[in-house]
């Protein structure tokens, strides 16, 4: 809870003065969208998930317009002072993100991005990545490709804050919770189903074997530690400003 509060405060502190209208891309359950509204901002939100959209609508009612679509598919007459990507940037196509953002930002508008990225090289002082070494934590754009691509776009970088060291310990907390609480429960359910419904369990396990294997590797292997996160990922907060001559254009 404290970590969530600190994260929300960090985002609010990095919204430039003069910003009024915000587009919250990938708004999750709408909790931070609600905080933005409470802080006096005019907010619209994007949610591609039908399930989460129901939660957002229940939470916000008619306080904010909700676009139930992918950001890449967004169509609106609204223009915004700031577009926020709070742990949603990793899921977007970079090229389409730039096109949409240039289209929907007002002159001199901002991109506020807070998310993790993939390292191309091991952190300084660490052993180099092995030839076949892969991160146990999936997701994220390559940080070098992202920065190089940003240099080709009409955006001025105002801030690049590295939050990796502050973020990594939360992975240890999550890992311990999974190993001590969730994994034993998972094993108990698997044992019960295998004992009482062996044919169904065998069929289910076969049909969804790839996803089950992926879930085990990602969540139950115990490899998602802060140390592993620091080795393979970098968690960053970026603030960019769109150059005025390139704002609000049809692209």
C-alpha atoms as a PDB file:
ATOM      1  CA  UNK A   1       0.000   0.000   0.000  1.00  0.00           C
ATOM      2  CA  UNK A   2       2.829   2.386   0.885  1.00  0.00           C
ATOM      3  CA  UNK A   3       4.600   1.538  -2.371  1.00  0.00           C
ATOM      4  CA  UNK A   4       1.415   2.279  -4.340  1.00  0.00           C
ATOM      5  CA  UNK A   5       1.055   5.615  -2.563  1.00  0.00           C
ATOM      6  CA  UNK A   6       4.670   6.534  -3.273  1.00  0.00           C
ATOM      7  CA  UNK A   7       4.237   5.576  -6.922  1.00  0.00           C
ATOM      8  CA  UNK A   8       1.104   7.699  -7.284  1.00  0.00           C
ATOM      9  CA  UNK A   9       2.845  10.642  -5.615  1.00  0.00           C
ATOM     10  CA  UNK A  10       5.798  10.250  -7.985  1.00  0.00           C
ATOM     11  CA  UNK A  11       3.544  10.455 -11.030  1.00  0.00           C
ATOM     12  CA  UNK A  12       1.655  13.459  -9.685  1.00  0.00           C
ATOM     13  CA  UNK A  13       4.899  15.270  -8.876  1.00  0.00           C
ATOM     14  CA  UNK A  14       6.080  14.864 -12.460  1.00  0.00           C
ATOM     15  CA  UNK A  15       3.022  16.344 -14.134  1.00  0.00           C
ATOM     16  CA  UNK A  16       4.181  19.759 -15.398  1.00  0.00           C
ATOM     17  CA  UNK A  17       2.422  22.913 -14.270  1.00  0.00           C
ATOM     18  CA  UNK A  18      -0.228  24.149 -16.655  1.00  0.00           C
ATOM     19  CA  UNK A  19      -1.459  20.660 -17.528  1.00  0.00           C
ATOM     20  CA  UNK A  20      -5.242  20.332 -17.387  1.00  0.00           C
ATOM     21  CA  UNK A  21      -6.355  17.574 -19.743  1.00  0.00           C
ATOM     22  CA  UNK A  22      -4.823  14.100 -19.350  1.00  0.00           C
ATOM     23  CA  UNK A  23      -5.284  10.865 -21.271  1.00  0.00           C
ATOM     24  CA  UNK A  24      -4.551   7.875 -19.025  1.00  0.00           C
ATOM     25  CA  UNK A  25      -3.536   5.032 -21.352  1.00  0.00           C
ATOM     26  CA  UNK A  26      -3.985   1.561 -19.896  1.00  0.00           C
ATOM     27  CA  UNK A  27      -5.720   2.814 -16.768  1.00  0.00           C
ATOM     28  CA  UNK A  28      -6.014  -0.591 -15.060  1.00  0.00           C
ATOM     29  CA  UNK A  29      -8.744  -0.544 -12.430  1.00  0.00           C
ATOM     30  CA  UNK A  30      -8.995   3.250 -12.637  1.00  0.00           C
ATOM     31  CA  UNK A  31      -7.600   3.932  -9.180  1.00  0.00           C
ATOM     32  CA  UNK A  32      -4.963   6.410 -10.314  1.00  0.00           C
ATOM     33  CA  UNK A  33      -7.399   7.892 -12.834  1.00  0.00           C
ATOM     34  CA  UNK A  34      -9.608   8.645  -9.844  1.00  0.00           C
ATOM     35  CA  UNK A  35      -6.682  10.299  -8.059  1.00  0.00           C
ATOM     36  CA  UNK A  36      -6.046  12.474 -11.098  1.00  0.00           C
ATOM     37  CA  UNK A  37      -9.687  13.551 -11.086  1.00  0.00           C
ATOM     38  CA  UNK A  38      -9.545  14.266  -7.356  1.00  0.00           C
ATOM     39  CA  UNK A  39      -6.449  16.398  -7.994  1.00  0.00           C
ATOM     40  CA  UNK A  40      -8.479  18.585 -10.353  1.00  0.00           C
ATOM     41  CA  UNK A  41      -7.398  17.283 -13.755  1.00  0.00           C
ATOM     42  CA  UNK A  42      -9.779  16.645 -16.643  1.00  0.00           C
ATOM     43  CA  UNK A  43      -9.181  13.011 -17.498  1.00  0.00           C
ATOM     44  CA  UNK A  44     -10.095  10.543 -20.200  1.00  0.00           C
ATOM     45  CA  UNK A  45      -8.905   6.952 -19.986  1.00  0.00           C
ATOM     46  CA  UNK A  46      -8.148   4.050 -22.306  1.00  0.00           C
ATOM     47  CA  UNK A  47      -8.792   0.430 -21.341  1.00  0.00           C
ATOM     48  CA  UNK A  48      -8.600  -2.500 -23.794  1.00  0.00           C
ATOM     49  CA  UNK A  49      -9.834  -4.993 -21.187  1.00  0.00           C
ATOM     50  CA  UNK A  50     -13.620  -5.551 -20.951  1.00  0.00           C
ATOM     51  CA  UNK A  51     -13.282  -6.854 -17.385  1.00  0.00           C
ATOM     52  CA  UNK A  52     -11.199  -3.910 -16.165  1.00  0.00           C
ATOM     53  CA  UNK A  53     -13.426  -1.487 -18.058  1.00  0.00           C
ATOM     54  CA  UNK A  54     -16.382  -2.639 -15.963  1.00  0.00           C
ATOM     55  CA  UNK A  55     -14.388  -1.935 -12.804  1.00  0.00           C
ATOM     56  CA  UNK A  56     -13.363   1.499 -14.091  1.00  0.00           C
ATOM     57  CA  UNK A  57     -16.935   2.424 -14.972  1.00  0.00           C
ATOM     58  CA  UNK A  58     -18.113   1.253 -11.559  1.00  0.00           C
ATOM     59  CA  UNK A  59     -15.397   3.309  -9.863  1.00  0.00           C
ATOM     60  CA  UNK A  60     -15.627   6.503 -11.904  1.00  0.00           C
ATOM     61  CA  UNK A  61     -19.180   6.617 -13.220  1.00  0.00           C
ATOM     62  CA  UNK A  62     -19.485   9.609 -15.550  1.00  0.00           C
ATOM     63  CA  UNK A  63     -16.566  11.528 -14.021  1.00  0.00           C
ATOM     64  CA  UNK A  64     -14.284  10.521 -16.888  1.00  0.00           C
ATOM     65  CA  UNK A  65     -14.807   9.362 -20.444  1.00  0.00           C
ATOM     66  CA  UNK A  66     -13.583   5.795 -20.915  1.00  0.00           C
ATOM     67  CA  UNK A  67     -12.404   4.599 -24.320  1.00  0.00           C
ATOM     68  CA  UNK A  68     -12.786   0.818 -24.374  1.00  0.00           C
ATOM     69  CA  UNK A  69     -10.183   0.002 -27.000  1.00  0.00           C
ATOM     70  CA  UNK A  70      -6.468  -0.335 -27.588  1.00  0.00           C
ATOM     71  CA  UNK A  71      -4.568   2.946 -27.667  1.00  0.00           C
ATOM     72  CA  UNK A  72      -3.494   2.126 -31.216  1.00  0.00           C
ATOM     73  CA  UNK A  73      -7.193   2.009 -32.210  1.00  0.00           C
ATOM     74  CA  UNK A  74      -8.289   5.140 -30.335  1.00  0.00           C
ATOM     75  CA  UNK A  75     -10.432   7.653 -32.228  1.00  0.00           C
ATOM     76  CA  UNK A  76     -11.496  10.842 -30.460  1.00  0.00           C
ATOM     77  CA  UNK A  77     -11.954  14.554 -31.099  1.00  0.00           C
ATOM     78  CA  UNK A  78     -10.303  15.341 -27.765  1.00  0.00           C
ATOM     79  CA  UNK A  79      -6.781  16.760 -27.505  1.00  0.00           C
ATOM     80  CA  UNK A  80      -4.685  16.516 -24.361  1.00  0.00           C
ATOM     81  CA  UNK A  81      -2.009  18.419 -22.480  1.00  0.00           C
ATOM     82  CA  UNK A  82      -0.437  15.155 -21.308  1.00  0.00           C
ATOM     83  CA  UNK A  83      -0.670  11.493 -22.225  1.00  0.00           C
ATOM     84  CA  UNK A  84       0.198   9.127 -19.378  1.00  0.00           C
ATOM     85  CA  UNK A  85       1.579   5.615 -19.776  1.00  0.00           C
ATOM     86  CA  UNK A  86       1.749   4.122 -16.287  1.00  0.00           C
ATOM     87  CA  UNK A  87       3.108   0.580 -16.689  1.00  0.00           C
ATOM     88  CA  UNK A  88       1.184   0.285 -19.960  1.00  0.00           C
ATOM     89  CA  UNK A  89       3.908   1.438 -22.337  1.00  0.00           C
ATOM     90  CA  UNK A  90       5.477  -2.031 -22.572  1.00  0.00           C
ATOM     91  CA  UNK A  91       2.377  -3.372 -24.332  1.00  0.00           C
ATOM     92  CA  UNK A  92       2.277  -0.765 -27.109  1.00  0.00           C
ATOM     93  CA  UNK A  93       3.624  -0.829 -30.623  1.00  0.00           C
ATOM     94  CA  UNK A  94       6.197   1.986 -30.648  1.00  0.00           C
ATOM     95  CA  UNK A  95       5.518   3.268 -34.152  1.00  0.00           C
ATOM     96  CA  UNK A  96       1.747   3.354 -33.663  1.00  0.00           C
ATOM     97  CA  UNK A  97       2.188   4.942 -30.229  1.00  0.00           C
ATOM     98  CA  UNK A  98       4.117   7.844 -31.768  1.00  0.00           C
ATOM     99  CA  UNK A  99       1.519   8.387 -34.475  1.00  0.00           C
ATOM    100  CA  UNK A 100      -1.349   8.418 -31.991  1.00  0.00           C
ATOM    101  CA  UNK A 101       0.458  10.621 -29.487  1.00  0.00           C
ATOM    102  CA  UNK A 102       1.397  13.229 -32.082  1.00  0.00           C
ATOM    103  CA  UNK A 103      -2.213  13.250 -33.227  1.00  0.00           C
ATOM    104  CA  UNK A 104      -3.839  13.660 -29.822  1.00  0.00           C
ATOM    105  CA  UNK A 105      -1.431  15.965 -28.008  1.00  0.00           C
ATOM    106  CA  UNK A 106      -2.009  19.701 -27.909  1.00  0.00           C
ATOM    107  CA  UNK A 107       0.825  22.030 -28.991  1.00  0.00           C
ATOM    108  CA  UNK A 108       3.697  21.548 -26.559  1.00  0.00           C
ATOM    109  CA  UNK A 109       1.969  18.593 -24.891  1.00  0.00           C
ATOM    110  CA  UNK A 110       3.744  15.961 -22.825  1.00  0.00           C
ATOM    111  CA  UNK A 111       4.318  12.224 -22.687  1.00  0.00           C
ATOM    112  CA  UNK A 112       4.794  10.852 -19.170  1.00  0.00           C
ATOM    113  CA  UNK A 113       6.068   7.270 -19.269  1.00  0.00           C
ATOM    114  CA  UNK A 114       6.743   5.133 -16.203  1.00  0.00           C
ATOM    115  CA  UNK A 115       7.560   1.510 -16.966  1.00  0.00           C
ATOM    116  CA  UNK A 116      10.310  -1.068 -17.172  1.00  0.00           C
ATOM    117  CA  UNK A 117      12.508  -1.711 -20.195  1.00  0.00           C
ATOM    118  CA  UNK A 118      14.859  -4.504 -21.217  1.00  0.00           C
ATOM    119  CA  UNK A 119      18.581  -3.995 -20.847  1.00  0.00           C
ATOM    120  CA  UNK A 120      20.715  -4.846 -23.867  1.00  0.00           C
ATOM    121  CA  UNK A 121      23.762  -5.219 -21.631  1.00  0.00           C
ATOM    122  CA  UNK A 122      24.266  -6.317 -18.021  1.00  0.00           C
ATOM    123  CA  UNK A 123      24.561  -3.495 -15.438  1.00  0.00           C
ATOM    124  CA  UNK A 124      27.999  -2.035 -14.853  1.00  0.00           C
ATOM    125  CA  UNK A 125      30.025  -4.271 -12.535  1.00  0.00           C
ATOM    126  CA  UNK A 126      27.966  -7.378 -13.377  1.00  0.00           C
ATOM    127  CA  UNK A 127      29.050 -10.340 -15.464  1.00  0.00           C
ATOM    128  CA  UNK A 128      28.036 -10.065 -19.135  1.00  0.00           C
ATOM    129  CA  UNK A 129      24.890 -11.779 -20.356  1.00  0.00           C
ATOM    130  CA  UNK A 130      25.441 -15.365 -21.465  1.00  0.00           C
ATOM    131  CA  UNK A 131      24.744 -16.243 -25.082  1.00  0.00           C
ATOM    132  CA  UNK A 132      21.563 -18.148 -24.205  1.00  0.00           C
ATOM    133  CA  UNK A 133      20.752 -16.298 -20.978  1.00  0.00           C
ATOM    134  CA  UNK A 134      17.198 -14.983 -20.868  1.00  0.00           C
ATOM    135  CA  UNK A 135      15.321 -12.867 -18.398  1.00  0.00           C
ATOM    136  CA  UNK A 136      12.824 -14.794 -16.239  1.00  0.00           C
ATOM    137  CA  UNK A 137      10.702 -11.633 -16.338  1.00  0.00           C
ATOM    138  CA  UNK A 138       9.000 -11.103 -19.689  1.00  0.00           C
ATOM    139  CA  UNK A 139       7.797  -7.880 -21.276  1.00  0.00           C
ATOM    140  CA  UNK A 140       9.224  -4.460 -21.972  1.00  0.00           C
ATOM    141  CA  UNK A 141      10.774  -2.665 -24.918  1.00  0.00           C
ATOM    142  CA  UNK A 142      14.531  -2.636 -25.335  1.00  0.00           C
ATOM    143  CA  UNK A 143      15.823   0.524 -23.653  1.00  0.00           C
ATOM    144  CA  UNK A 144      18.404   1.264 -26.351  1.00  0.00           C
ATOM    145  CA  UNK A 145      15.899   0.843 -29.184  1.00  0.00           C
ATOM    146  CA  UNK A 146      13.423   3.052 -27.340  1.00  0.00           C
ATOM    147  CA  UNK A 147      15.930   5.863 -26.781  1.00  0.00           C
ATOM    148  CA  UNK A 148      17.244   5.666 -30.333  1.00  0.00           C
ATOM    149  CA  UNK A 149      13.698   5.751 -31.703  1.00  0.00           C
ATOM    150  CA  UNK A 150      12.812   8.749 -29.526  1.00  0.00           C
ATOM    151  CA  UNK A 151      15.722  10.655 -31.061  1.00  0.00           C
ATOM    152  CA  UNK A 152      14.055  10.328 -34.460  1.00  0.00           C
ATOM    153  CA  UNK A 153      10.742  11.694 -33.172  1.00  0.00           C
ATOM    154  CA  UNK A 154       9.718  15.337 -32.599  1.00  0.00           C
ATOM    155  CA  UNK A 155       9.905  15.018 -28.810  1.00  0.00           C
ATOM    156  CA  UNK A 156      12.258  16.786 -26.423  1.00  0.00           C
ATOM    157  CA  UNK A 157      13.380  14.739 -23.417  1.00  0.00           C
ATOM    158  CA  UNK A 158      12.820  16.702 -20.203  1.00  0.00           C
ATOM    159  CA  UNK A 159      13.481  13.924 -17.706  1.00  0.00           C
ATOM    160  CA  UNK A 160      14.946  10.429 -17.460  1.00  0.00           C
ATOM    161  CA  UNK A 161      14.799   9.115 -13.893  1.00  0.00           C
ATOM    162  CA  UNK A 162      16.175   5.640 -13.152  1.00  0.00           C
ATOM    163  CA  UNK A 163      14.004   3.946 -10.505  1.00  0.00           C
ATOM    164  CA  UNK A 164      15.410   0.431 -10.872  1.00  0.00           C
ATOM    165  CA  UNK A 165      17.072   0.238  -7.452  1.00  0.00           C
ATOM    166  CA  UNK A 166      13.927   1.526  -5.749  1.00  0.00           C
ATOM    167  CA  UNK A 167      11.678  -0.876  -7.671  1.00  0.00           C
ATOM    168  CA  UNK A 168      13.691  -4.100  -7.431  1.00  0.00           C
ATOM    169  CA  UNK A 169      12.981  -4.818  -3.711  1.00  0.00           C
ATOM    170  CA  UNK A 170       9.241  -5.010  -4.410  1.00  0.00           C
ATOM    171  CA  UNK A 171       9.984  -8.045  -6.611  1.00  0.00           C
ATOM    172  CA  UNK A 172      11.445  -9.827  -3.575  1.00  0.00           C
ATOM    173  CA  UNK A 173       8.255  -9.144  -1.622  1.00  0.00           C
ATOM    174  CA  UNK A 174       6.126 -10.470  -4.481  1.00  0.00           C
ATOM    175  CA  UNK A 175       8.345 -13.546  -4.864  1.00  0.00           C
ATOM    176  CA  UNK A 176       8.102 -14.355  -1.153  1.00  0.00           C
ATOM    177  CA  UNK A 177       4.312 -13.960  -1.226  1.00  0.00           C
ATOM    178  CA  UNK A 178       4.041 -16.303  -4.199  1.00  0.00           C
ATOM    179  CA  UNK A 179       6.383 -18.922  -2.748  1.00  0.00           C
ATOM    180  CA  UNK A 180       4.936 -18.872   0.777  1.00  0.00           C
ATOM    181  CA  UNK A 181       1.226 -18.399   0.058  1.00  0.00           C
ATOM    182  CA  UNK A 182       0.184 -18.740  -3.572  1.00  0.00           C
ATOM    183  CA  UNK A 183       2.379 -21.667  -4.625  1.00  0.00           C
ATOM    184  CA  UNK A 184       1.281 -23.976  -1.761  1.00  0.00           C
ATOM    185  CA  UNK A 185      -2.342 -23.149  -2.571  1.00  0.00           C
ATOM    186  CA  UNK A 186      -1.726 -23.845  -6.253  1.00  0.00           C
ATOM    187  CA  UNK A 187      -0.146 -27.194  -5.417  1.00  0.00           C
ATOM    188  CA  UNK A 188      -3.028 -28.122  -3.123  1.00  0.00           C
ATOM    189  CA  UNK A 189      -5.598 -27.345  -5.826  1.00  0.00           C
ATOM    190  CA  UNK A 190      -3.569 -29.281  -8.420  1.00  0.00           C
ATOM    191  CA  UNK A 191      -3.357 -32.286  -6.082  1.00  0.00           C
ATOM    192  CA  UNK A 192      -7.090 -32.183  -5.339  1.00  0.00           C
ATOM    193  CA  UNK A 193      -8.036 -31.930  -9.024  1.00  0.00           C
ATOM    194  CA  UNK A 194      -5.596 -34.674 -10.035  1.00  0.00           C
ATOM    195  CA  UNK A 195      -6.899 -37.010  -7.338  1.00  0.00           C
ATOM    196  CA  UNK A 196     -10.608 -36.409  -7.874  1.00  0.00           C
ATOM    197  CA  UNK A 197     -10.828 -35.557 -11.575  1.00  0.00           C
ATOM    198  CA  UNK A 198      -7.800 -37.242 -13.158  1.00  0.00           C
ATOM    199  CA  UNK A 199      -9.133 -37.386 -16.738  1.00  0.00           C
ATOM    200  CA  UNK A 200     -10.266 -33.771 -16.760  1.00  0.00           C
ATOM    201  CA  UNK A 201      -6.990 -32.642 -15.166  1.00  0.00           C
ATOM    202  CA  UNK A 202      -4.909 -34.592 -17.686  1.00  0.00           C
ATOM    203  CA  UNK A 203      -6.879 -33.137 -20.594  1.00  0.00           C
ATOM    204  CA  UNK A 204      -6.705 -29.605 -19.206  1.00  0.00           C
ATOM    205  CA  UNK A 205      -2.976 -29.903 -18.541  1.00  0.00           C
ATOM    206  CA  UNK A 206      -2.355 -31.102 -22.093  1.00  0.00           C
ATOM    207  CA  UNK A 207      -4.464 -28.447 -23.808  1.00  0.00           C
ATOM    208  CA  UNK A 208      -2.984 -25.584 -21.800  1.00  0.00           C
ATOM    209  CA  UNK A 209       0.497 -27.009 -21.279  1.00  0.00           C
ATOM    210  CA  UNK A 210       2.288 -24.050 -22.870  1.00  0.00           C
ATOM    211  CA  UNK A 211       0.452 -21.460 -20.794  1.00  0.00           C
ATOM    212  CA  UNK A 212       0.869 -23.529 -17.617  1.00  0.00           C
ATOM    213  CA  UNK A 213       4.592 -23.855 -18.286  1.00  0.00           C
ATOM    214  CA  UNK A 214       4.829 -20.129 -18.927  1.00  0.00           C
ATOM    215  CA  UNK A 215       2.957 -19.335 -15.705  1.00  0.00           C
ATOM    216  CA  UNK A 216       5.236 -21.627 -13.717  1.00  0.00           C
ATOM    217  CA  UNK A 217       8.331 -19.999 -15.188  1.00  0.00           C
ATOM    218  CA  UNK A 218       7.046 -16.483 -14.730  1.00  0.00           C
ATOM    219  CA  UNK A 219       5.316 -16.703 -11.352  1.00  0.00           C
ATOM    220  CA  UNK A 220       6.141 -19.934  -9.511  1.00  0.00           C
ATOM    221  CA  UNK A 221       9.797 -20.588 -10.308  1.00  0.00           C
ATOM    222  CA  UNK A 222      11.089 -18.225  -7.619  1.00  0.00           C
ATOM    223  CA  UNK A 223      13.358 -16.530 -10.172  1.00  0.00           C
ATOM    224  CA  UNK A 224      11.514 -13.208 -10.213  1.00  0.00           C
ATOM    225  CA  UNK A 225      13.775 -11.696  -7.576  1.00  0.00           C
ATOM    226  CA  UNK A 226      14.914  -8.109  -7.205  1.00  0.00           C
ATOM    227  CA  UNK A 227      18.397  -9.222  -8.201  1.00  0.00           C
ATOM    228  CA  UNK A 228      17.142 -10.764 -11.433  1.00  0.00           C
ATOM    229  CA  UNK A 229      15.000  -7.715 -12.159  1.00  0.00           C
ATOM    230  CA  UNK A 230      17.993  -5.404 -11.704  1.00  0.00           C
ATOM    231  CA  UNK A 231      20.116  -7.597 -13.952  1.00  0.00           C
ATOM    232  CA  UNK A 232      17.731  -7.728 -16.912  1.00  0.00           C
ATOM    233  CA  UNK A 233      15.433  -4.724 -16.543  1.00  0.00           C
ATOM    234  CA  UNK A 234      15.658  -1.000 -15.999  1.00  0.00           C
ATOM    235  CA  UNK A 235      12.663   0.849 -14.533  1.00  0.00           C
ATOM    236  CA  UNK A 236      12.445   4.405 -15.800  1.00  0.00           C
ATOM    237  CA  UNK A 237      10.342   7.533 -15.627  1.00  0.00           C
ATOM    238  CA  UNK A 238      10.500   9.612 -18.801  1.00  0.00           C
ATOM    239  CA  UNK A 239       8.978  13.011 -19.481  1.00  0.00           C
ATOM    240  CA  UNK A 240       8.932  14.234 -23.078  1.00  0.00           C
ATOM    241  CA  UNK A 241       7.494  17.351 -24.662  1.00  0.00           C
ATOM    242  CA  UNK A 242       6.168  17.439 -28.208  1.00  0.00           C
ATOM    243  CA  UNK A 243       7.584  20.221 -30.342  1.00  0.00           C
ATOM    244  CA  UNK A 244       4.779  22.637 -31.117  1.00  0.00           C
ATOM    245  CA  UNK A 245       5.030  22.556 -34.911  1.00  0.00           C
ATOM    246  CA  UNK A 246       4.411  18.796 -34.799  1.00  0.00           C
ATOM    247  CA  UNK A 247       1.428  18.896 -32.431  1.00  0.00           C
ATOM    248  CA  UNK A 248      -2.150  17.924 -33.153  1.00  0.00           C
ATOM    249  CA  UNK A 249      -1.452  16.937 -36.757  1.00  0.00           C
ATOM    250  CA  UNK A 250      -3.209  14.303 -38.796  1.00  0.00           C
ATOM    251  CA  UNK A 251      -0.652  11.581 -39.440  1.00  0.00           C
END
